[in-house]
Amino acid sequence: MAQRLIDVLRHLAKELIEKGYDSEEALKKVEVIDIDFSTVREELHMLEINKYIDESELDTIRALLAYILMKDTDLENEDIYAYTFGKGRQIIWN
């Protein structure tokens, strides 16, 4: 299930980078029920370590994941940013 979400997010990220479009409309197709987001985060981390995707695509995937978490969960925004961009560590904003 987590791999399927990663694949969908990769596809959406590529379209965002190449064409630009309304991400709100595209993300309506993404179902987040019963997805283990810690597994998704681990898979993203492995993609980053192994350099399977470029940095801009990875950042776009993380942004989409953060958006989904903000929209579909009760987590605080700071926790979501730390979860998706900070590898679980608290992010200090200057």
PDB file of N, CA and C in Angstrom:
ATOM      1  N   MET A   1       0.821  -1.189   0.000  1.00  0.00           N
ATOM      2  CA  MET A   1       0.000   0.000   0.000  1.00  0.00           C
ATOM      3  C   MET A   1       0.866   1.253   0.000  1.00  0.00           C
ATOM      4  N   ALA A   2       1.921   1.272   0.800  1.00  0.00           N
ATOM      5  CA  ALA A   2       2.806   2.438   0.856  1.00  0.00           C
ATOM      6  C   ALA A   2       3.522   2.637  -0.474  1.00  0.00           C
ATOM      7  N   GLN A   3       3.947   1.542  -1.098  1.00  0.00           N
ATOM      8  CA  GLN A   3       4.634   1.644  -2.388  1.00  0.00           C
ATOM      9  C   GLN A   3       3.697   2.208  -3.453  1.00  0.00           C
ATOM     10  N   ARG A   4       2.435   1.843  -3.384  1.00  0.00           N
ATOM     11  CA  ARG A   4       1.453   2.361  -4.339  1.00  0.00           C
ATOM     12  C   ARG A   4       1.306   3.871  -4.171  1.00  0.00           C
ATOM     13  N   LEU A   5       1.243   4.336  -2.926  1.00  0.00           N
ATOM     14  CA  LEU A   5       1.156   5.774  -2.681  1.00  0.00           C
ATOM     15  C   LEU A   5       2.399   6.480  -3.200  1.00  0.00           C
ATOM     16  N   ILE A   6       3.576   5.914  -2.961  1.00  0.00           N
ATOM     17  CA  ILE A   6       4.823   6.500  -3.470  1.00  0.00           C
ATOM     18  C   ILE A   6       4.769   6.598  -4.991  1.00  0.00           C
ATOM     19  N   ASP A   7       4.305   5.549  -5.651  1.00  0.00           N
ATOM     20  CA  ASP A   7       4.209   5.562  -7.114  1.00  0.00           C
ATOM     21  C   ASP A   7       3.264   6.653  -7.605  1.00  0.00           C
ATOM     22  N   VAL A   8       2.121   6.789  -6.947  1.00  0.00           N
ATOM     23  CA  VAL A   8       1.163   7.833  -7.325  1.00  0.00           C
ATOM     24  C   VAL A   8       1.774   9.210  -7.099  1.00  0.00           C
ATOM     25  N   LEU A   9       2.415   9.405  -5.955  1.00  0.00           N
ATOM     26  CA  LEU A   9       3.039  10.698  -5.664  1.00  0.00           C
ATOM     27  C   LEU A   9       4.164  11.005  -6.645  1.00  0.00           C
ATOM     28  N   ARG A  10       4.930  10.000  -7.036  1.00  0.00           N
ATOM     29  CA  ARG A  10       5.995  10.207  -8.036  1.00  0.00           C
ATOM     30  C   ARG A  10       5.403  10.660  -9.363  1.00  0.00           C
ATOM     31  N   HIS A  11       4.328  10.018  -9.765  1.00  0.00           N
ATOM     32  CA  HIS A  11       3.674  10.387 -11.021  1.00  0.00           C
ATOM     33  C   HIS A  11       3.158  11.829 -10.951  1.00  0.00           C
ATOM     34  N   LEU A  12       2.484  12.168  -9.858  1.00  0.00           N
ATOM     35  CA  LEU A  12       1.978  13.529  -9.692  1.00  0.00           C
ATOM     36  C   LEU A  12       3.115  14.543  -9.637  1.00  0.00           C
ATOM     37  N   ALA A  13       4.200  14.190  -8.963  1.00  0.00           N
ATOM     38  CA  ALA A  13       5.352  15.095  -8.862  1.00  0.00           C
ATOM     39  C   ALA A  13       5.957  15.363 -10.230  1.00  0.00           C
ATOM     40  N   LYS A  14       6.091  14.320 -11.041  1.00  0.00           N
ATOM     41  CA  LYS A  14       6.642  14.503 -12.388  1.00  0.00           C
ATOM     42  C   LYS A  14       5.764  15.432 -13.210  1.00  0.00           C
ATOM     43  N   GLU A  15       4.445  15.254 -13.110  1.00  0.00           N
ATOM     44  CA  GLU A  15       3.536  16.128 -13.848  1.00  0.00           C
ATOM     45  C   GLU A  15       3.620  17.563 -13.345  1.00  0.00           C
ATOM     46  N   LEU A  16       3.719  17.733 -12.038  1.00  0.00           N
ATOM     47  CA  LEU A  16       3.855  19.082 -11.481  1.00  0.00           C
ATOM     48  C   LEU A  16       5.117  19.759 -11.989  1.00  0.00           C
ATOM     49  N   ILE A  17       6.221  19.029 -11.993  1.00  0.00           N
ATOM     50  CA  ILE A  17       7.499  19.588 -12.418  1.00  0.00           C
ATOM     51  C   ILE A  17       7.476  19.904 -13.911  1.00  0.00           C
ATOM     52  N   GLU A  18       6.961  18.990 -14.710  1.00  0.00           N
ATOM     53  CA  GLU A  18       7.007  19.144 -16.162  1.00  0.00           C
ATOM     54  C   GLU A  18       5.941  20.091 -16.701  1.00  0.00           C
ATOM     55  N   LYS A  19       4.717  19.959 -16.229  1.00  0.00           N
ATOM     56  CA  LYS A  19       3.605  20.686 -16.835  1.00  0.00           C
ATOM     57  C   LYS A  19       3.013  21.761 -15.939  1.00  0.00           C
ATOM     58  N   GLY A  20       2.997  21.490 -14.658  1.00  0.00           N
ATOM     59  CA  GLY A  20       2.286  22.360 -13.737  1.00  0.00           C
ATOM     60  C   GLY A  20       0.789  22.119 -13.885  1.00  0.00           C
ATOM     61  N   TYR A  21       0.087  21.980 -12.809  1.00  0.00           N
ATOM     62  CA  TYR A  21      -1.354  21.779 -12.842  1.00  0.00           C
ATOM     63  C   TYR A  21      -1.892  21.974 -11.442  1.00  0.00           C
ATOM     64  N   ASP A  22      -3.181  21.853 -11.304  1.00  0.00           N
ATOM     65  CA  ASP A  22      -3.856  22.031 -10.024  1.00  0.00           C
ATOM     66  C   ASP A  22      -3.675  20.780  -9.166  1.00  0.00           C
ATOM     67  N   SER A  23      -2.778  20.848  -8.208  1.00  0.00           N
ATOM     68  CA  SER A  23      -2.506  19.673  -7.374  1.00  0.00           C
ATOM     69  C   SER A  23      -3.706  19.287  -6.520  1.00  0.00           C
ATOM     70  N   GLU A  24      -4.541  20.255  -6.173  1.00  0.00           N
ATOM     71  CA  GLU A  24      -5.741  19.956  -5.380  1.00  0.00           C
ATOM     72  C   GLU A  24      -6.636  18.967  -6.121  1.00  0.00           C
ATOM     73  N   GLU A  25      -6.853  19.210  -7.395  1.00  0.00           N
ATOM     74  CA  GLU A  25      -7.697  18.321  -8.199  1.00  0.00           C
ATOM     75  C   GLU A  25      -7.068  16.936  -8.336  1.00  0.00           C
ATOM     76  N   ALA A  26      -5.781  16.887  -8.592  1.00  0.00           N
ATOM     77  CA  ALA A  26      -5.101  15.604  -8.780  1.00  0.00           C
ATOM     78  C   ALA A  26      -5.090  14.784  -7.494  1.00  0.00           C
ATOM     79  N   LEU A  27      -4.917  15.442  -6.358  1.00  0.00           N
ATOM     80  CA  LEU A  27      -4.831  14.715  -5.091  1.00  0.00           C
ATOM     81  C   LEU A  27      -6.175  14.188  -4.604  1.00  0.00           C
ATOM     82  N   LYS A  28      -7.255  14.625  -5.228  1.00  0.00           N
ATOM     83  CA  LYS A  28      -8.559  14.058  -4.871  1.00  0.00           C
ATOM     84  C   LYS A  28      -8.607  12.571  -5.195  1.00  0.00           C
ATOM     85  N   LYS A  29      -7.759  12.138  -6.118  1.00  0.00           N
ATOM     86  CA  LYS A  29      -7.717  10.733  -6.522  1.00  0.00           C
ATOM     87  C   LYS A  29      -6.940   9.868  -5.528  1.00  0.00           C
ATOM     88  N   VAL A  30      -6.180  10.493  -4.645  1.00  0.00           N
ATOM     89  CA  VAL A  30      -5.324   9.754  -3.718  1.00  0.00           C
ATOM     90  C   VAL A  30      -6.106   9.415  -2.459  1.00  0.00           C
ATOM     91  N   GLU A  31      -6.226   8.138  -2.171  1.00  0.00           N
ATOM     92  CA  GLU A  31      -6.884   7.667  -0.954  1.00  0.00           C
ATOM     93  C   GLU A  31      -5.823   7.431   0.111  1.00  0.00           C
ATOM     94  N   VAL A  32      -5.992   8.016   1.283  1.00  0.00           N
ATOM     95  CA  VAL A  32      -4.993   7.845   2.337  1.00  0.00           C
ATOM     96  C   VAL A  32      -5.496   6.977   3.489  1.00  0.00           C
ATOM     97  N   ILE A  33      -6.641   6.393   3.321  1.00  0.00           N
ATOM     98  CA  ILE A  33      -7.175   5.519   4.362  1.00  0.00           C
ATOM     99  C   ILE A  33      -6.304   4.272   4.450  1.00  0.00           C
ATOM    100  N   ASP A  34      -5.944   3.894   5.658  1.00  0.00           N
ATOM    101  CA  ASP A  34      -5.164   2.680   5.925  1.00  0.00           C
ATOM    102  C   ASP A  34      -3.752   2.719   5.355  1.00  0.00           C
ATOM    103  N   ILE A  35      -3.164   3.882   5.243  1.00  0.00           N
ATOM    104  CA  ILE A  35      -1.780   3.986   4.777  1.00  0.00           C
ATOM    105  C   ILE A  35      -0.889   4.231   5.985  1.00  0.00           C
ATOM    106  N   ASP A  36       0.151   3.452   6.098  1.00  0.00           N
ATOM    107  CA  ASP A  36       1.125   3.611   7.170  1.00  0.00           C
ATOM    108  C   ASP A  36       2.157   4.647   6.715  1.00  0.00           C
ATOM    109  N   PHE A  37       2.014   5.871   7.205  1.00  0.00           N
ATOM    110  CA  PHE A  37       2.875   6.950   6.736  1.00  0.00           C
ATOM    111  C   PHE A  37       4.322   6.798   7.184  1.00  0.00           C
ATOM    112  N   SER A  38       4.565   6.058   8.248  1.00  0.00           N
ATOM    113  CA  SER A  38       5.962   5.823   8.629  1.00  0.00           C
ATOM    114  C   SER A  38       6.649   4.935   7.595  1.00  0.00           C
ATOM    115  N   THR A  39       5.917   3.985   7.025  1.00  0.00           N
ATOM    116  CA  THR A  39       6.469   3.162   5.946  1.00  0.00           C
ATOM    117  C   THR A  39       6.728   4.010   4.709  1.00  0.00           C
ATOM    118  N   VAL A  40       5.816   4.918   4.406  1.00  0.00           N
ATOM    119  CA  VAL A  40       6.005   5.829   3.268  1.00  0.00           C
ATOM    120  C   VAL A  40       7.256   6.662   3.482  1.00  0.00           C
ATOM    121  N   ARG A  41       7.420   7.186   4.690  1.00  0.00           N
ATOM    122  CA  ARG A  41       8.601   8.003   4.987  1.00  0.00           C
ATOM    123  C   ARG A  41       9.878   7.188   4.834  1.00  0.00           C
ATOM    124  N   GLU A  42       9.870   5.943   5.316  1.00  0.00           N
ATOM    125  CA  GLU A  42      11.049   5.075   5.181  1.00  0.00           C
ATOM    126  C   GLU A  42      11.376   4.809   3.713  1.00  0.00           C
ATOM    127  N   GLU A  43      10.350   4.569   2.902  1.00  0.00           N
ATOM    128  CA  GLU A  43      10.589   4.320   1.478  1.00  0.00           C
ATOM    129  C   GLU A  43      11.129   5.564   0.783  1.00  0.00           C
ATOM    130  N   LEU A  44      10.622   6.732   1.146  1.00  0.00           N
ATOM    131  CA  LEU A  44      11.165   7.974   0.589  1.00  0.00           C
ATOM    132  C   LEU A  44      12.624   8.153   0.986  1.00  0.00           C
ATOM    133  N   HIS A  45      12.927   7.814   2.226  1.00  0.00           N
ATOM    134  CA  HIS A  45      14.308   7.920   2.700  1.00  0.00           C
ATOM    135  C   HIS A  45      15.222   6.986   1.902  1.00  0.00           C
ATOM    136  N   MET A  46      14.755   5.780   1.624  1.00  0.00           N
ATOM    137  CA  MET A  46      15.551   4.839   0.826  1.00  0.00           C
ATOM    138  C   MET A  46      15.748   5.346  -0.601  1.00  0.00           C
ATOM    139  N   LEU A  47      14.714   5.946  -1.175  1.00  0.00           N
ATOM    140  CA  LEU A  47      14.849   6.529  -2.514  1.00  0.00           C
ATOM    141  C   LEU A  47      15.897   7.633  -2.516  1.00  0.00           C
ATOM    142  N   GLU A  48      15.904   8.423  -1.449  1.00  0.00           N
ATOM    143  CA  GLU A  48      16.874   9.515  -1.336  1.00  0.00           C
ATOM    144  C   GLU A  48      18.295   8.978  -1.177  1.00  0.00           C
ATOM    145  N   ILE A  49      18.478   8.014  -0.303  1.00  0.00           N
ATOM    146  CA  ILE A  49      19.809   7.450  -0.056  1.00  0.00           C
ATOM    147  C   ILE A  49      20.368   6.796  -1.314  1.00  0.00           C
ATOM    148  N   ASN A  50      19.529   6.039  -2.007  1.00  0.00           N
ATOM    149  CA  ASN A  50      19.982   5.303  -3.187  1.00  0.00           C
ATOM    150  C   ASN A  50      19.982   6.136  -4.460  1.00  0.00           C
ATOM    151  N   LYS A  51      19.557   7.392  -4.359  1.00  0.00           N
ATOM    152  CA  LYS A  51      19.555   8.320  -5.501  1.00  0.00           C
ATOM    153  C   LYS A  51      18.731   7.791  -6.675  1.00  0.00           C
ATOM    154  N   TYR A  52      17.592   7.142  -6.378  1.00  0.00           N
ATOM    155  CA  TYR A  52      16.720   6.636  -7.435  1.00  0.00           C
ATOM    156  C   TYR A  52      15.963   7.755  -8.143  1.00  0.00           C
ATOM    157  N   ILE A  53      15.739   8.857  -7.440  1.00  0.00           N
ATOM    158  CA  ILE A  53      15.041   9.986  -8.045  1.00  0.00           C
ATOM    159  C   ILE A  53      15.820  11.255  -7.749  1.00  0.00           C
ATOM    160  N   ASP A  54      15.618  12.270  -8.592  1.00  0.00           N
ATOM    161  CA  ASP A  54      16.379  13.502  -8.387  1.00  0.00           C
ATOM    162  C   ASP A  54      15.775  14.327  -7.255  1.00  0.00           C
ATOM    163  N   GLU A  55      16.533  15.304  -6.811  1.00  0.00           N
ATOM    164  CA  GLU A  55      16.170  16.093  -5.628  1.00  0.00           C
ATOM    165  C   GLU A  55      14.871  16.880  -5.822  1.00  0.00           C
ATOM    166  N   SER A  56      14.659  17.443  -7.011  1.00  0.00           N
ATOM    167  CA  SER A  56      13.441  18.226  -7.228  1.00  0.00           C
ATOM    168  C   SER A  56      12.198  17.343  -7.180  1.00  0.00           C
ATOM    169  N   GLU A  57      12.287  16.140  -7.734  1.00  0.00           N
ATOM    170  CA  GLU A  57      11.153  15.218  -7.675  1.00  0.00           C
ATOM    171  C   GLU A  57      10.900  14.781  -6.233  1.00  0.00           C
ATOM    172  N   LEU A  58      11.957  14.509  -5.493  1.00  0.00           N
ATOM    173  CA  LEU A  58      11.829  14.104  -4.095  1.00  0.00           C
ATOM    174  C   LEU A  58      11.186  15.216  -3.262  1.00  0.00           C
ATOM    175  N   ASP A  59      11.619  16.460  -3.476  1.00  0.00           N
ATOM    176  CA  ASP A  59      11.028  17.585  -2.747  1.00  0.00           C
ATOM    177  C   ASP A  59       9.554  17.756  -3.083  1.00  0.00           C
ATOM    178  N   THR A  60       9.207  17.577  -4.347  1.00  0.00           N
ATOM    179  CA  THR A  60       7.808  17.692  -4.749  1.00  0.00           C
ATOM    180  C   THR A  60       6.975  16.581  -4.127  1.00  0.00           C
ATOM    181  N   ILE A  61       7.509  15.371  -4.085  1.00  0.00           N
ATOM    182  CA  ILE A  61       6.802  14.257  -3.438  1.00  0.00           C
ATOM    183  C   ILE A  61       6.588  14.567  -1.961  1.00  0.00           C
ATOM    184  N   ARG A  62       7.601  15.076  -1.314  1.00  0.00           N
ATOM    185  CA  ARG A  62       7.463  15.429   0.114  1.00  0.00           C
ATOM    186  C   ARG A  62       6.422  16.525   0.313  1.00  0.00           C
ATOM    187  N   ALA A  63       6.416  17.511  -0.576  1.00  0.00           N
ATOM    188  CA  ALA A  63       5.421  18.584  -0.474  1.00  0.00           C
ATOM    189  C   ALA A  63       4.010  18.029  -0.650  1.00  0.00           C
ATOM    190  N   LEU A  64       3.829  17.131  -1.610  1.00  0.00           N
ATOM    191  CA  LEU A  64       2.518  16.501  -1.803  1.00  0.00           C
ATOM    192  C   LEU A  64       2.123  15.680  -0.581  1.00  0.00           C
ATOM    193  N   LEU A  65       3.069  14.944  -0.023  1.00  0.00           N
ATOM    194  CA  LEU A  65       2.796  14.153   1.174  1.00  0.00           C
ATOM    195  C   LEU A  65       2.409  15.064   2.341  1.00  0.00           C
ATOM    196  N   ALA A  66       3.130  16.165   2.512  1.00  0.00           N
ATOM    197  CA  ALA A  66       2.796  17.117   3.575  1.00  0.00           C
ATOM    198  C   ALA A  66       1.391  17.672   3.373  1.00  0.00           C
ATOM    199  N   TYR A  67       1.055  17.990   2.142  1.00  0.00           N
ATOM    200  CA  TYR A  67      -0.278  18.513   1.843  1.00  0.00           C
ATOM    201  C   TYR A  67      -1.355  17.489   2.189  1.00  0.00           C
ATOM    202  N   ILE A  68      -1.130  16.236   1.813  1.00  0.00           N
ATOM    203  CA  ILE A  68      -2.095  15.175   2.121  1.00  0.00           C
ATOM    204  C   ILE A  68      -2.260  15.035   3.630  1.00  0.00           C
ATOM    205  N   LEU A  69      -1.149  15.047   4.356  1.00  0.00           N
ATOM    206  CA  LEU A  69      -1.214  14.917   5.816  1.00  0.00           C
ATOM    207  C   LEU A  69      -1.948  16.094   6.446  1.00  0.00           C
ATOM    208  N   MET A  70      -1.728  17.294   5.932  1.00  0.00           N
ATOM    209  CA  MET A  70      -2.423  18.468   6.469  1.00  0.00           C
ATOM    210  C   MET A  70      -3.919  18.389   6.203  1.00  0.00           C
ATOM    211  N   LYS A  71      -4.253  17.900   5.041  1.00  0.00           N
ATOM    212  CA  LYS A  71      -5.646  17.844   4.626  1.00  0.00           C
ATOM    213  C   LYS A  71      -6.409  16.718   5.314  1.00  0.00           C
ATOM    214  N   ASP A  72      -5.776  15.572   5.491  1.00  0.00           N
ATOM    215  CA  ASP A  72      -6.499  14.371   5.911  1.00  0.00           C
ATOM    216  C   ASP A  72      -6.180  13.869   7.315  1.00  0.00           C
ATOM    217  N   THR A  73      -5.375  14.594   8.076  1.00  0.00           N
ATOM    218  CA  THR A  73      -5.075  14.165   9.443  1.00  0.00           C
ATOM    219  C   THR A  73      -5.253  15.331  10.405  1.00  0.00           C
ATOM    220  N   ASP A  74      -5.190  15.023  11.682  1.00  0.00           N
ATOM    221  CA  ASP A  74      -5.302  16.052  12.714  1.00  0.00           C
ATOM    222  C   ASP A  74      -3.940  16.482  13.247  1.00  0.00           C
ATOM    223  N   LEU A  75      -2.869  16.088  12.579  1.00  0.00           N
ATOM    224  CA  LEU A  75      -1.526  16.451  13.029  1.00  0.00           C
ATOM    225  C   LEU A  75      -1.294  17.955  12.894  1.00  0.00           C
ATOM    226  N   GLU A  76      -0.470  18.488  13.773  1.00  0.00           N
ATOM    227  CA  GLU A  76      -0.097  19.901  13.691  1.00  0.00           C
ATOM    228  C   GLU A  76       0.839  20.109  12.506  1.00  0.00           C
ATOM    229  N   ASN A  77       0.782  21.300  11.909  1.00  0.00           N
ATOM    230  CA  ASN A  77       1.622  21.600  10.743  1.00  0.00           C
ATOM    231  C   ASN A  77       3.103  21.422  11.038  1.00  0.00           C
ATOM    232  N   GLU A  78       3.555  21.861  12.206  1.00  0.00           N
ATOM    233  CA  GLU A  78       4.974  21.728  12.560  1.00  0.00           C
ATOM    234  C   GLU A  78       5.392  20.257  12.609  1.00  0.00           C
ATOM    235  N   ASP A  79       4.517  19.411  13.142  1.00  0.00           N
ATOM    236  CA  ASP A  79       4.810  17.973  13.192  1.00  0.00           C
ATOM    237  C   ASP A  79       4.863  17.370  11.793  1.00  0.00           C
ATOM    238  N   ILE A  80       3.980  17.829  10.929  1.00  0.00           N
ATOM    239  CA  ILE A  80       3.959  17.330   9.551  1.00  0.00           C
ATOM    240  C   ILE A  80       5.236  17.717   8.825  1.00  0.00           C
ATOM    241  N   TYR A  81       5.665  18.971   8.969  1.00  0.00           N
ATOM    242  CA  TYR A  81       6.913  19.403   8.321  1.00  0.00           C
ATOM    243  C   TYR A  81       8.105  18.617   8.854  1.00  0.00           C
ATOM    244  N   ALA A  82       8.143  18.416  10.169  1.00  0.00           N
ATOM    245  CA  ALA A  82       9.241  17.636  10.752  1.00  0.00           C
ATOM    246  C   ALA A  82       9.201  16.202  10.237  1.00  0.00           C
ATOM    247  N   TYR A  83       8.021  15.661  10.107  1.00  0.00           N
ATOM    248  CA  TYR A  83       7.836  14.282   9.648  1.00  0.00           C
ATOM    249  C   TYR A  83       8.272  14.114   8.199  1.00  0.00           C
ATOM    250  N   THR A  84       7.881  15.044   7.331  1.00  0.00           N
ATOM    251  CA  THR A  84       8.148  14.874   5.901  1.00  0.00           C
ATOM    252  C   THR A  84       9.498  15.424   5.467  1.00  0.00           C
ATOM    253  N   PHE A  85       9.910  16.560   6.021  1.00  0.00           N
ATOM    254  CA  PHE A  85      11.141  17.199   5.563  1.00  0.00           C
ATOM    255  C   PHE A  85      12.305  17.049   6.534  1.00  0.00           C
ATOM    256  N   GLY A  86      12.016  16.886   7.821  1.00  0.00           N
ATOM    257  CA  GLY A  86      13.069  16.869   8.821  1.00  0.00           C
ATOM    258  C   GLY A  86      13.429  15.498   9.335  1.00  0.00           C
ATOM    259  N   LYS A  87      12.956  14.462   8.660  1.00  0.00           N
ATOM    260  CA  LYS A  87      13.242  13.079   9.063  1.00  0.00           C
ATOM    261  C   LYS A  87      12.877  12.837  10.523  1.00  0.00           C
ATOM    262  N   GLY A  88      11.786  13.469  10.950  1.00  0.00           N
ATOM    263  CA  GLY A  88      11.293  13.278  12.305  1.00  0.00           C
ATOM    264  C   GLY A  88      11.869  14.237  13.324  1.00  0.00           C
ATOM    265  N   ARG A  89      12.936  14.945  12.941  1.00  0.00           N
ATOM    266  CA  ARG A  89      13.535  15.905  13.870  1.00  0.00           C
ATOM    267  C   ARG A  89      12.774  17.225  13.788  1.00  0.00           C
ATOM    268  N   GLN A  90      12.750  17.928  14.899  1.00  0.00           N
ATOM    269  CA  GLN A  90      12.089  19.221  14.928  1.00  0.00           C
ATOM    270  C   GLN A  90      12.825  20.191  14.009  1.00  0.00           C
ATOM    271  N   ILE A  91      12.064  20.965  13.254  1.00  0.00           N
ATOM    272  CA  ILE A  91      12.648  21.959  12.357  1.00  0.00           C
ATOM    273  C   ILE A  91      12.652  23.298  13.077  1.00  0.00           C
ATOM    274  N   ILE A  92      13.800  23.958  13.098  1.00  0.00           N
ATOM    275  CA  ILE A  92      13.924  25.277  13.711  1.00  0.00           C
ATOM    276  C   ILE A  92      13.795  26.319  12.605  1.00  0.00           C
ATOM    277  N   TRP A  93      12.787  27.170  12.719  1.00  0.00           N
ATOM    278  CA  TRP A  93      12.561  28.212  11.713  1.00  0.00           C
ATOM    279  C   TRP A  93      13.269  29.483  12.153  1.00  0.00           C
ATOM    280  N   ASN A  94      14.015  30.072  11.258  1.00  0.00           N
ATOM    281  CA  ASN A  94      14.719  31.331  11.575  1.00  0.00           C
ATOM    282  C   ASN A  94      13.859  32.520  11.274  1.00  0.00           C
TER     283      ASN A  94
END
